[in-house]
């Protein structure tokens, strides 16, 4: 099976060294640590709340995706109950 794939080297290497695997594992464990993420979210939420900013939903729509269509219907329903957009108060 190894003959099917060409070794690309760099970050895409098929057989990284044990030290590289260890460093990558530690780094990814750090990035995905639930406690670190919770602290980061709490800090961002505290800063948002202190500044008086409102929550913002950023939505990216794909026309050919059925779930995007359902999400757009749900968001349209939600927007009926919100005040003008803090990003674009003129058009809201």
PDB file of N, CA and C in Angstrom:
ATOM      1  N   UNK A   1       0.817  -1.196   0.000  1.00  0.00           N
ATOM      2  CA  UNK A   1       0.000   0.000   0.000  1.00  0.00           C
ATOM      3  C   UNK A   1       0.862   1.263   0.000  1.00  0.00           C
ATOM      4  N   UNK A   2       2.049   1.177   0.560  1.00  0.00           N
ATOM      5  CA  UNK A   2       2.928   2.329   0.601  1.00  0.00           C
ATOM      6  C   UNK A   2       3.384   2.777  -0.769  1.00  0.00           C
ATOM      7  N   UNK A   3       3.374   1.875  -1.753  1.00  0.00           N
ATOM      8  CA  UNK A   3       3.788   2.224  -3.087  1.00  0.00           C
ATOM      9  C   UNK A   3       2.777   3.081  -3.835  1.00  0.00           C
ATOM     10  N   UNK A   4       1.544   3.135  -3.356  1.00  0.00           N
ATOM     11  CA  UNK A   4       0.493   3.904  -4.018  1.00  0.00           C
ATOM     12  C   UNK A   4       0.672   5.403  -3.831  1.00  0.00           C
ATOM     13  N   UNK A   5       1.284   5.803  -2.746  1.00  0.00           N
ATOM     14  CA  UNK A   5       1.357   7.209  -2.400  1.00  0.00           C
ATOM     15  C   UNK A   5       2.777   7.736  -2.527  1.00  0.00           C
ATOM     16  N   UNK A   6       2.890   8.948  -2.983  1.00  0.00           N
ATOM     17  CA  UNK A   6       4.189   9.586  -3.133  1.00  0.00           C
ATOM     18  C   UNK A   6       4.483  10.406  -1.880  1.00  0.00           C
ATOM     19  N   UNK A   7       5.659  10.266  -1.344  1.00  0.00           N
ATOM     20  CA  UNK A   7       6.080  11.032  -0.170  1.00  0.00           C
ATOM     21  C   UNK A   7       6.186  12.503  -0.551  1.00  0.00           C
ATOM     22  N   UNK A   8       5.430  13.364   0.158  1.00  0.00           N
ATOM     23  CA  UNK A   8       5.416  14.789  -0.164  1.00  0.00           C
ATOM     24  C   UNK A   8       6.395  15.593   0.681  1.00  0.00           C
ATOM     25  N   UNK A   9       6.759  15.066   1.812  1.00  0.00           N
ATOM     26  CA  UNK A   9       7.693  15.774   2.686  1.00  0.00           C
ATOM     27  C   UNK A   9       7.010  16.919   3.426  1.00  0.00           C
ATOM     28  N   UNK A  10       7.766  17.640   4.196  1.00  0.00           N
ATOM     29  CA  UNK A  10       7.220  18.776   4.948  1.00  0.00           C
ATOM     30  C   UNK A  10       6.168  18.346   5.951  1.00  0.00           C
ATOM     31  N   UNK A  11       5.131  19.145   6.092  1.00  0.00           N
ATOM     32  CA  UNK A  11       4.071  18.867   7.052  1.00  0.00           C
ATOM     33  C   UNK A  11       3.233  17.665   6.635  1.00  0.00           C
ATOM     34  N   UNK A  12       3.286  17.312   5.357  1.00  0.00           N
ATOM     35  CA  UNK A  12       2.469  16.219   4.846  1.00  0.00           C
ATOM     36  C   UNK A  12       3.214  14.892   4.819  1.00  0.00           C
ATOM     37  N   UNK A  13       4.299  14.778   5.545  1.00  0.00           N
ATOM     38  CA  UNK A  13       5.080  13.544   5.507  1.00  0.00           C
ATOM     39  C   UNK A  13       4.258  12.366   6.023  1.00  0.00           C
ATOM     40  N   UNK A  14       4.450  11.195   5.390  1.00  0.00           N
ATOM     41  CA  UNK A  14       3.679  10.014   5.761  1.00  0.00           C
ATOM     42  C   UNK A  14       4.223   9.362   7.021  1.00  0.00           C
ATOM     43  N   UNK A  15       5.492   9.556   7.316  1.00  0.00           N
ATOM     44  CA  UNK A  15       6.100   8.900   8.470  1.00  0.00           C
ATOM     45  C   UNK A  15       6.965   9.903   9.238  1.00  0.00           C
ATOM     46  N   UNK A  16       6.321  10.782  10.037  1.00  0.00           N
ATOM     47  CA  UNK A  16       7.110  11.771  10.781  1.00  0.00           C
ATOM     48  C   UNK A  16       7.936  11.094  11.876  1.00  0.00           C
ATOM     49  N   UNK A  17       8.980  11.760  12.299  1.00  0.00           N
ATOM     50  CA  UNK A  17       9.838  11.215  13.357  1.00  0.00           C
ATOM     51  C   UNK A  17       9.066  11.169  14.671  1.00  0.00           C
ATOM     52  N   UNK A  18       9.562  10.373  15.601  1.00  0.00           N
ATOM     53  CA  UNK A  18       8.870  10.245  16.890  1.00  0.00           C
ATOM     54  C   UNK A  18       8.860  11.566  17.644  1.00  0.00           C
ATOM     55  N   UNK A  19       9.929  12.350  17.532  1.00  0.00           N
ATOM     56  CA  UNK A  19       9.944  13.647  18.221  1.00  0.00           C
ATOM     57  C   UNK A  19       8.914  14.598  17.602  1.00  0.00           C
ATOM     58  N   UNK A  20       8.786  14.556  16.293  1.00  0.00           N
ATOM     59  CA  UNK A  20       7.784  15.410  15.632  1.00  0.00           C
ATOM     60  C   UNK A  20       6.355  14.996  16.022  1.00  0.00           C
ATOM     61  N   UNK A  21       6.112  13.685  16.102  1.00  0.00           N
ATOM     62  CA  UNK A  21       4.801  13.204  16.534  1.00  0.00           C
ATOM     63  C   UNK A  21       4.508  13.634  17.963  1.00  0.00           C
ATOM     64  N   UNK A  22       5.530  13.585  18.827  1.00  0.00           N
ATOM     65  CA  UNK A  22       5.352  13.969  20.222  1.00  0.00           C
ATOM     66  C   UNK A  22       5.026  15.456  20.333  1.00  0.00           C
ATOM     67  N   UNK A  23       5.791  16.292  19.632  1.00  0.00           N
ATOM     68  CA  UNK A  23       5.563  17.743  19.666  1.00  0.00           C
ATOM     69  C   UNK A  23       4.180  18.073  19.109  1.00  0.00           C
ATOM     70  N   UNK A  24       3.812  17.446  18.001  1.00  0.00           N
ATOM     71  CA  UNK A  24       2.504  17.680  17.405  1.00  0.00           C
ATOM     72  C   UNK A  24       1.388  17.265  18.356  1.00  0.00           C
ATOM     73  N   UNK A  25       1.558  16.126  19.009  1.00  0.00           N
ATOM     74  CA  UNK A  25       0.561  15.647  19.966  1.00  0.00           C
ATOM     75  C   UNK A  25       0.391  16.624  21.134  1.00  0.00           C
ATOM     76  N   UNK A  26       1.511  17.076  21.686  1.00  0.00           N
ATOM     77  CA  UNK A  26       1.439  18.027  22.815  1.00  0.00           C
ATOM     78  C   UNK A  26       0.785  19.341  22.386  1.00  0.00           C
ATOM     79  N   UNK A  27       1.141  19.823  21.206  1.00  0.00           N
ATOM     80  CA  UNK A  27       0.586  21.083  20.708  1.00  0.00           C
ATOM     81  C   UNK A  27      -0.923  20.970  20.478  1.00  0.00           C
ATOM     82  N   UNK A  28      -1.352  19.894  19.848  1.00  0.00           N
ATOM     83  CA  UNK A  28      -2.784  19.703  19.591  1.00  0.00           C
ATOM     84  C   UNK A  28      -3.560  19.481  20.888  1.00  0.00           C
ATOM     85  N   UNK A  29      -2.953  18.799  21.847  1.00  0.00           N
ATOM     86  CA  UNK A  29      -3.589  18.622  23.154  1.00  0.00           C
ATOM     87  C   UNK A  29      -3.772  19.978  23.827  1.00  0.00           C
ATOM     88  N   UNK A  30      -2.761  20.829  23.742  1.00  0.00           N
ATOM     89  CA  UNK A  30      -2.855  22.178  24.308  1.00  0.00           C
ATOM     90  C   UNK A  30      -3.960  22.981  23.619  1.00  0.00           C
ATOM     91  N   UNK A  31      -3.981  22.951  22.280  1.00  0.00           N
ATOM     92  CA  UNK A  31      -4.973  23.733  21.543  1.00  0.00           C
ATOM     93  C   UNK A  31      -6.407  23.301  21.834  1.00  0.00           C
ATOM     94  N   UNK A  32      -6.611  22.014  22.047  1.00  0.00           N
ATOM     95  CA  UNK A  32      -7.970  21.510  22.228  1.00  0.00           C
ATOM     96  C   UNK A  32      -8.347  21.275  23.686  1.00  0.00           C
ATOM     97  N   UNK A  33      -7.537  21.748  24.621  1.00  0.00           N
ATOM     98  CA  UNK A  33      -7.822  21.564  26.043  1.00  0.00           C
ATOM     99  C   UNK A  33      -9.120  22.270  26.421  1.00  0.00           C
ATOM    100  N   UNK A  34     -10.108  21.534  26.929  1.00  0.00           N
ATOM    101  CA  UNK A  34     -11.406  22.148  27.266  1.00  0.00           C
ATOM    102  C   UNK A  34     -11.303  23.280  28.297  1.00  0.00           C
ATOM    103  N   UNK A  35     -10.429  23.137  29.277  1.00  0.00           N
ATOM    104  CA  UNK A  35     -10.287  24.195  30.290  1.00  0.00           C
ATOM    105  C   UNK A  35      -9.701  25.463  29.675  1.00  0.00           C
ATOM    106  N   UNK A  36      -8.705  25.309  28.805  1.00  0.00           N
ATOM    107  CA  UNK A  36      -8.110  26.474  28.150  1.00  0.00           C
ATOM    108  C   UNK A  36      -9.135  27.172  27.263  1.00  0.00           C
ATOM    109  N   UNK A  37      -9.912  26.385  26.527  1.00  0.00           N
ATOM    110  CA  UNK A  37     -10.937  26.966  25.660  1.00  0.00           C
ATOM    111  C   UNK A  37     -12.018  27.677  26.469  1.00  0.00           C
ATOM    112  N   UNK A  38     -12.418  27.083  27.590  1.00  0.00           N
ATOM    113  CA  UNK A  38     -13.441  27.713  28.438  1.00  0.00           C
ATOM    114  C   UNK A  38     -12.936  29.047  28.993  1.00  0.00           C
ATOM    115  N   UNK A  39     -11.680  29.091  29.429  1.00  0.00           N
ATOM    116  CA  UNK A  39     -11.103  30.340  29.932  1.00  0.00           C
ATOM    117  C   UNK A  39     -11.060  31.400  28.836  1.00  0.00           C
ATOM    118  N   UNK A  40     -10.652  30.978  27.638  1.00  0.00           N
ATOM    119  CA  UNK A  40     -10.561  31.904  26.517  1.00  0.00           C
ATOM    120  C   UNK A  40     -11.940  32.458  26.159  1.00  0.00           C
ATOM    121  N   UNK A  41     -12.953  31.585  26.113  1.00  0.00           N
ATOM    122  CA  UNK A  41     -14.318  32.038  25.821  1.00  0.00           C
ATOM    123  C   UNK A  41     -14.836  32.982  26.889  1.00  0.00           C
ATOM    124  N   UNK A  42     -14.553  32.644  28.164  1.00  0.00           N
ATOM    125  CA  UNK A  42     -15.003  33.491  29.270  1.00  0.00           C
ATOM    126  C   UNK A  42     -14.358  34.879  29.183  1.00  0.00           C
ATOM    127  N   UNK A  43     -13.068  34.912  28.849  1.00  0.00           N
ATOM    128  CA  UNK A  43     -12.361  36.192  28.729  1.00  0.00           C
ATOM    129  C   UNK A  43     -12.947  37.033  27.594  1.00  0.00           C
ATOM    130  N   UNK A  44     -13.196  36.395  26.439  1.00  0.00           N
ATOM    131  CA  UNK A  44     -13.780  37.111  25.304  1.00  0.00           C
ATOM    132  C   UNK A  44     -15.196  37.603  25.630  1.00  0.00           C
ATOM    133  N   UNK A  45     -15.985  36.768  26.289  1.00  0.00           N
ATOM    134  CA  UNK A  45     -17.357  37.155  26.637  1.00  0.00           C
ATOM    135  C   UNK A  45     -17.350  38.308  27.632  1.00  0.00           C
ATOM    136  N   UNK A  46     -16.438  38.269  28.588  1.00  0.00           N
ATOM    137  CA  UNK A  46     -16.337  39.361  29.564  1.00  0.00           C
ATOM    138  C   UNK A  46     -15.970  40.670  28.868  1.00  0.00           C
ATOM    139  N   UNK A  47     -15.040  40.609  27.916  1.00  0.00           N
ATOM    140  CA  UNK A  47     -14.642  41.809  27.173  1.00  0.00           C
ATOM    141  C   UNK A  47     -15.797  42.322  26.316  1.00  0.00           C
ATOM    142  N   UNK A  48     -16.535  41.415  25.661  1.00  0.00           N
ATOM    143  CA  UNK A  48     -17.684  41.819  24.846  1.00  0.00           C
ATOM    144  C   UNK A  48     -18.746  42.471  25.710  1.00  0.00           C
ATOM    145  N   UNK A  49     -19.034  41.861  26.837  1.00  0.00           N
ATOM    146  CA  UNK A  49     -20.052  42.388  27.747  1.00  0.00           C
ATOM    147  C   UNK A  49     -19.641  43.750  28.307  1.00  0.00           C
ATOM    148  N   UNK A  50     -18.375  43.880  28.671  1.00  0.00           N
ATOM    149  CA  UNK A  50     -17.870  45.141  29.232  1.00  0.00           C
ATOM    150  C   UNK A  50     -17.950  46.266  28.209  1.00  0.00           C
ATOM    151  N   UNK A  51     -17.712  45.950  26.941  1.00  0.00           N
ATOM    152  CA  UNK A  51     -17.745  46.981  25.904  1.00  0.00           C
ATOM    153  C   UNK A  51     -19.170  47.339  25.483  1.00  0.00           C
ATOM    154  N   UNK A  52     -20.136  46.544  25.926  1.00  0.00           N
ATOM    155  CA  UNK A  52     -21.532  46.827  25.575  1.00  0.00           C
ATOM    156  C   UNK A  52     -21.929  46.303  24.206  1.00  0.00           C
ATOM    157  N   UNK A  53     -21.051  45.548  23.576  1.00  0.00           N
ATOM    158  CA  UNK A  53     -21.361  44.993  22.252  1.00  0.00           C
ATOM    159  C   UNK A  53     -22.382  43.874  22.373  1.00  0.00           C
ATOM    160  N   UNK A  54     -23.127  43.679  21.305  1.00  0.00           N
ATOM    161  CA  UNK A  54     -24.110  42.602  21.283  1.00  0.00           C
ATOM    162  C   UNK A  54     -23.493  41.343  20.696  1.00  0.00           C
ATOM    163  N   UNK A  55     -24.180  40.237  20.905  1.00  0.00           N
ATOM    164  CA  UNK A  55     -23.739  38.989  20.279  1.00  0.00           C
ATOM    165  C   UNK A  55     -23.929  39.103  18.771  1.00  0.00           C
ATOM    166  N   UNK A  56     -23.040  38.480  18.013  1.00  0.00           N
ATOM    167  CA  UNK A  56     -23.101  38.531  16.554  1.00  0.00           C
ATOM    168  C   UNK A  56     -23.082  37.107  16.017  1.00  0.00           C
ATOM    169  N   UNK A  57     -23.986  36.830  15.090  1.00  0.00           N
ATOM    170  CA  UNK A  57     -23.986  35.553  14.389  1.00  0.00           C
ATOM    171  C   UNK A  57     -23.458  35.807  12.992  1.00  0.00           C
ATOM    172  N   UNK A  58     -22.385  35.120  12.634  1.00  0.00           N
ATOM    173  CA  UNK A  58     -21.860  35.221  11.282  1.00  0.00           C
ATOM    174  C   UNK A  58     -22.285  33.962  10.544  1.00  0.00           C
ATOM    175  N   UNK A  59     -22.938  34.134   9.420  1.00  0.00           N
ATOM    176  CA  UNK A  59     -23.535  33.020   8.692  1.00  0.00           C
ATOM    177  C   UNK A  59     -23.043  33.031   7.246  1.00  0.00           C
ATOM    178  N   UNK A  60     -22.582  31.888   6.785  1.00  0.00           N
ATOM    179  CA  UNK A  60     -22.111  31.740   5.412  1.00  0.00           C
ATOM    180  C   UNK A  60     -23.025  30.736   4.719  1.00  0.00           C
ATOM    181  N   UNK A  61     -23.695  31.170   3.680  1.00  0.00           N
ATOM    182  CA  UNK A  61     -24.707  30.356   3.015  1.00  0.00           C
ATOM    183  C   UNK A  61     -24.156  29.686   1.764  1.00  0.00           C
ATOM    184  N   UNK A  62     -24.479  28.403   1.618  1.00  0.00           N
ATOM    185  CA  UNK A  62     -24.160  27.665   0.388  1.00  0.00           C
ATOM    186  C   UNK A  62     -25.472  27.333  -0.289  1.00  0.00           C
ATOM    187  N   UNK A  63     -25.663  27.801  -1.493  1.00  0.00           N
ATOM    188  CA  UNK A  63     -26.918  27.654  -2.210  1.00  0.00           C
ATOM    189  C   UNK A  63     -27.249  26.186  -2.466  1.00  0.00           C
ATOM    190  N   UNK A  64     -26.256  25.361  -2.731  1.00  0.00           N
ATOM    191  CA  UNK A  64     -26.500  23.959  -3.082  1.00  0.00           C
ATOM    192  C   UNK A  64     -26.606  23.040  -1.868  1.00  0.00           C
ATOM    193  N   UNK A  65     -26.649  23.584  -0.663  1.00  0.00           N
ATOM    194  CA  UNK A  65     -26.698  22.774   0.550  1.00  0.00           C
ATOM    195  C   UNK A  65     -28.062  22.900   1.218  1.00  0.00           C
ATOM    196  N   UNK A  66     -28.746  21.772   1.386  1.00  0.00           N
ATOM    197  CA  UNK A  66     -30.068  21.775   2.015  1.00  0.00           C
ATOM    198  C   UNK A  66     -30.042  22.268   3.451  1.00  0.00           C
ATOM    199  N   UNK A  67     -28.972  21.952   4.187  1.00  0.00           N
ATOM    200  CA  UNK A  67     -28.870  22.411   5.565  1.00  0.00           C
ATOM    201  C   UNK A  67     -28.706  23.931   5.636  1.00  0.00           C
ATOM    202  N   UNK A  68     -28.048  24.506   4.650  1.00  0.00           N
ATOM    203  CA  UNK A  68     -27.940  25.964   4.603  1.00  0.00           C
ATOM    204  C   UNK A  68     -29.319  26.588   4.422  1.00  0.00           C
ATOM    205  N   UNK A  69     -30.146  25.962   3.615  1.00  0.00           N
ATOM    206  CA  UNK A  69     -31.508  26.460   3.407  1.00  0.00           C
ATOM    207  C   UNK A  69     -32.294  26.421   4.721  1.00  0.00           C
ATOM    208  N   UNK A  70     -32.188  25.311   5.455  1.00  0.00           N
ATOM    209  CA  UNK A  70     -32.871  25.201   6.750  1.00  0.00           C
ATOM    210  C   UNK A  70     -32.334  26.225   7.745  1.00  0.00           C
ATOM    211  N   UNK A  71     -31.015  26.403   7.754  1.00  0.00           N
ATOM    212  CA  UNK A  71     -30.416  27.383   8.666  1.00  0.00           C
ATOM    213  C   UNK A  71     -30.888  28.791   8.337  1.00  0.00           C
ATOM    214  N   UNK A  72     -30.995  29.119   7.048  1.00  0.00           N
ATOM    215  CA  UNK A  72     -31.456  30.451   6.640  1.00  0.00           C
ATOM    216  C   UNK A  72     -32.889  30.686   7.101  1.00  0.00           C
ATOM    217  N   UNK A  73     -33.735  29.666   7.012  1.00  0.00           N
ATOM    218  CA  UNK A  73     -35.117  29.811   7.483  1.00  0.00           C
ATOM    219  C   UNK A  73     -35.151  30.045   8.986  1.00  0.00           C
ATOM    220  N   UNK A  74     -34.324  29.310   9.725  1.00  0.00           N
ATOM    221  CA  UNK A  74     -34.273  29.476  11.178  1.00  0.00           C
ATOM    222  C   UNK A  74     -33.742  30.853  11.553  1.00  0.00           C
ATOM    223  N   UNK A  75     -32.679  31.282  10.883  1.00  0.00           N
ATOM    224  CA  UNK A  75     -32.116  32.593  11.183  1.00  0.00           C
ATOM    225  C   UNK A  75     -33.082  33.711  10.831  1.00  0.00           C
ATOM    226  N   UNK A  76     -33.821  33.549   9.742  1.00  0.00           N
ATOM    227  CA  UNK A  76     -34.807  34.566   9.380  1.00  0.00           C
ATOM    228  C   UNK A  76     -35.853  34.689  10.483  1.00  0.00           C
ATOM    229  N   UNK A  77     -36.284  33.566  11.036  1.00  0.00           N
ATOM    230  CA  UNK A  77     -37.244  33.568  12.134  1.00  0.00           C
ATOM    231  C   UNK A  77     -36.648  34.252  13.356  1.00  0.00           C
ATOM    232  N   UNK A  78     -35.372  33.968  13.653  1.00  0.00           N
ATOM    233  CA  UNK A  78     -34.704  34.577  14.814  1.00  0.00           C
ATOM    234  C   UNK A  78     -34.550  36.082  14.640  1.00  0.00           C
ATOM    235  N   UNK A  79     -34.275  36.527  13.423  1.00  0.00           N
ATOM    236  CA  UNK A  79     -34.046  37.945  13.179  1.00  0.00           C
ATOM    237  C   UNK A  79     -35.310  38.781  13.358  1.00  0.00           C
ATOM    238  N   UNK A  80     -36.467  38.140  13.310  1.00  0.00           N
ATOM    239  CA  UNK A  80     -37.704  38.876  13.553  1.00  0.00           C
ATOM    240  C   UNK A  80     -37.775  39.388  14.984  1.00  0.00           C
ATOM    241  N   UNK A  81     -37.042  38.756  15.881  1.00  0.00           N
ATOM    242  CA  UNK A  81     -37.108  39.089  17.296  1.00  0.00           C
ATOM    243  C   UNK A  81     -35.873  39.814  17.800  1.00  0.00           C
ATOM    244  N   UNK A  82     -35.062  40.337  16.900  1.00  0.00           N
ATOM    245  CA  UNK A  82     -33.862  41.057  17.332  1.00  0.00           C
ATOM    246  C   UNK A  82     -33.953  42.515  16.924  1.00  0.00           C
ATOM    247  N   UNK A  83     -33.162  43.314  17.573  1.00  0.00           N
ATOM    248  CA  UNK A  83     -33.108  44.730  17.240  1.00  0.00           C
ATOM    249  C   UNK A  83     -32.124  44.940  16.085  1.00  0.00           C
ATOM    250  N   UNK A  84     -31.963  46.158  15.613  1.00  0.00           N
ATOM    251  CA  UNK A  84     -31.074  46.416  14.471  1.00  0.00           C
ATOM    252  C   UNK A  84     -29.657  45.895  14.696  1.00  0.00           C
ATOM    253  N   UNK A  85     -29.034  45.555  13.591  1.00  0.00           N
ATOM    254  CA  UNK A  85     -27.681  45.013  13.616  1.00  0.00           C
ATOM    255  C   UNK A  85     -26.699  46.072  14.113  1.00  0.00           C
ATOM    256  N   UNK A  86     -25.819  45.703  15.049  1.00  0.00           N
ATOM    257  CA  UNK A  86     -24.810  46.668  15.497  1.00  0.00           C
ATOM    258  C   UNK A  86     -23.772  46.969  14.417  1.00  0.00           C
ATOM    259  N   UNK A  87     -23.645  46.078  13.422  1.00  0.00           N
ATOM    260  CA  UNK A  87     -22.663  46.282  12.353  1.00  0.00           C
ATOM    261  C   UNK A  87     -23.203  47.168  11.254  1.00  0.00           C
ATOM    262  N   UNK A  88     -24.522  47.139  11.028  1.00  0.00           N
ATOM    263  CA  UNK A  88     -25.113  47.909   9.940  1.00  0.00           C
ATOM    264  C   UNK A  88     -26.468  48.475  10.387  1.00  0.00           C
ATOM    265  N   UNK A  89     -26.465  49.472  11.259  1.00  0.00           N
ATOM    266  CA  UNK A  89     -27.728  49.982  11.793  1.00  0.00           C
ATOM    267  C   UNK A  89     -28.591  50.685  10.745  1.00  0.00           C
ATOM    268  N   UNK A  90     -28.024  51.084   9.615  1.00  0.00           N
ATOM    269  CA  UNK A  90     -28.783  51.805   8.591  1.00  0.00           C
ATOM    270  C   UNK A  90     -29.750  50.884   7.877  1.00  0.00           C
ATOM    271  N   UNK A  91     -29.278  49.677   7.494  1.00  0.00           N
ATOM    272  CA  UNK A  91     -30.110  48.772   6.716  1.00  0.00           C
ATOM    273  C   UNK A  91     -30.963  47.858   7.566  1.00  0.00           C
ATOM    274  N   UNK A  92     -30.767  47.818   8.874  1.00  0.00           N
ATOM    275  CA  UNK A  92     -31.527  46.901   9.728  1.00  0.00           C
ATOM    276  C   UNK A  92     -32.846  47.520  10.173  1.00  0.00           C
TER     277      UNK A  92
END
